[in-house]
Amino acid sequence: ASISGSGITNTNFLKSVPLFQALCETQLNRLMNSLSMEQFEDREPIITQGEDGDAFYIVVSGRVLITRVEADANKDRNSLASPGSGGGG
C-alpha cells in the first residue's frame, strides 16, 4: 500500500519531517507518490546494525526503539523514534 493508503492523503505529514521541510509542494507530492507503507509487529527488528541498508524509514505512527551497540564501550545506546522521525536501513 502507498503512504496515501495509510490515511495520509496530502503532504502535511511529510512537511512535518525535518528532512523534507525545505522541499516544495511538487517535490513533496513526488516523494509521497514514491513511498510505500510497511507495518511491523511489536519488537520486530526493522534494521540490524552492520547490515547494508537500501531503504529509508519514516515513523508514521507508534514508536521505535533504536539500539546501537558501541564496540569500544561494550554497552548499548538506546533512543526512541516517534512519528516524523526517519532513518536508513
Protein backbone atom coordinates (compact mmCIF):
# COMPACT_ATOMS: atom_id res chain seq x y z
CA ALA A 1 0.00 0.00 0.00
CA SER A 2 1.16 3.53 -0.61
CA ILE A 3 1.50 6.07 2.16
CA SER A 4 -1.69 7.70 0.86
CA GLY A 5 -3.40 4.38 1.55
CA SER A 6 -2.45 4.75 5.17
CA GLY A 7 -4.78 7.69 5.74
CA ILE A 8 -2.18 10.29 4.77
CA THR A 9 -3.77 11.87 1.73
CA ASN A 10 -1.73 15.06 1.44
CA THR A 11 1.79 16.27 2.05
CA ASN A 12 1.17 17.76 5.52
CA PHE A 13 2.78 14.78 7.27
CA LEU A 14 5.89 14.96 5.06
CA LYS A 15 6.15 18.70 5.77
CA SER A 16 6.40 17.82 9.48
CA VAL A 17 9.51 15.68 8.86
CA PRO A 18 12.57 17.95 9.35
CA LEU A 19 14.47 16.34 6.47
CA PHE A 20 11.72 17.29 4.00
CA GLN A 21 10.79 20.79 5.21
CA ALA A 22 12.79 22.57 2.50
CA LEU A 23 11.02 20.72 -0.33
CA CYS A 24 8.40 22.47 -2.45
CA GLU A 25 4.87 21.06 -2.87
CA THR A 26 5.74 19.44 -6.22
CA GLN A 27 8.74 17.65 -4.71
CA LEU A 28 6.68 16.54 -1.69
CA ASN A 29 3.99 15.12 -4.00
CA ARG A 30 6.59 13.18 -5.99
CA LEU A 31 8.07 11.85 -2.77
CA MET A 32 4.66 10.90 -1.37
CA ASN A 33 3.80 9.03 -4.58
CA SER A 34 7.02 7.01 -4.41
CA LEU A 35 6.62 5.86 -0.78
CA SER A 36 5.24 2.54 0.36
CA MET A 37 3.82 1.58 3.73
CA GLU A 38 5.30 -1.19 5.86
CA GLN A 39 3.91 -2.33 9.18
CA PHE A 40 5.93 -4.09 11.85
CA GLU A 41 4.89 -6.14 14.83
CA ASP A 42 5.82 -5.20 18.38
CA ARG A 43 9.54 -5.88 18.99
CA GLU A 44 10.09 -6.94 15.35
CA PRO A 45 13.54 -5.83 14.12
CA ILE A 46 13.38 -3.29 11.30
CA ILE A 47 17.08 -2.64 10.74
CA THR A 48 20.06 -4.62 12.02
CA GLN A 49 23.26 -2.78 12.86
CA GLY A 50 26.10 -3.64 10.49
CA GLU A 51 23.94 -4.79 7.58
CA ASP A 52 23.91 -2.90 4.27
CA GLY A 53 20.97 -0.54 4.01
CA ASP A 54 18.80 0.04 0.98
CA ALA A 55 15.78 1.82 2.46
CA PHE A 56 14.80 4.92 4.40
CA TYR A 57 12.06 4.56 7.02
CA ILE A 58 9.78 7.28 8.38
CA VAL A 59 7.82 6.55 11.54
CA VAL A 60 4.18 7.39 10.77
CA SER A 61 2.62 6.06 13.96
CA GLY A 62 3.80 4.32 17.09
CA ARG A 63 7.33 4.39 18.44
CA VAL A 64 10.55 2.61 17.50
CA LEU A 65 13.30 1.71 19.96
CA ILE A 66 16.72 2.25 18.40
CA THR A 67 19.58 0.33 20.00
CA ARG A 68 23.16 0.87 18.92
CA VAL A 69 25.91 -1.38 20.26
CA GLU A 70 29.05 0.61 20.98
CA ALA A 71 32.09 -1.54 20.23
CA ASP A 72 34.56 0.37 22.41
CA ALA A 73 32.22 0.90 25.36
CA ASN A 74 30.82 -2.65 25.22
CA LYS A 75 27.34 -1.40 26.03
CA ASP A 76 24.15 -0.41 24.22
CA ARG A 77 22.91 3.10 23.48
CA ASN A 78 19.15 3.49 23.22
CA SER A 79 16.99 6.21 21.75
CA LEU A 80 13.35 6.42 20.79
CA ALA A 81 11.95 7.41 17.37
CA SER A 82 8.40 8.72 17.13
CA PRO A 83 6.19 9.90 14.26
CA GLY A 84 8.12 12.12 11.87
CA SER A 85 11.47 10.53 12.71
CA GLY A 86 13.42 8.95 9.90
CA GLY A 87 16.41 6.69 9.38
CA GLY A 88 18.01 4.39 6.88
CA GLY A 89 18.43 0.71 6.76
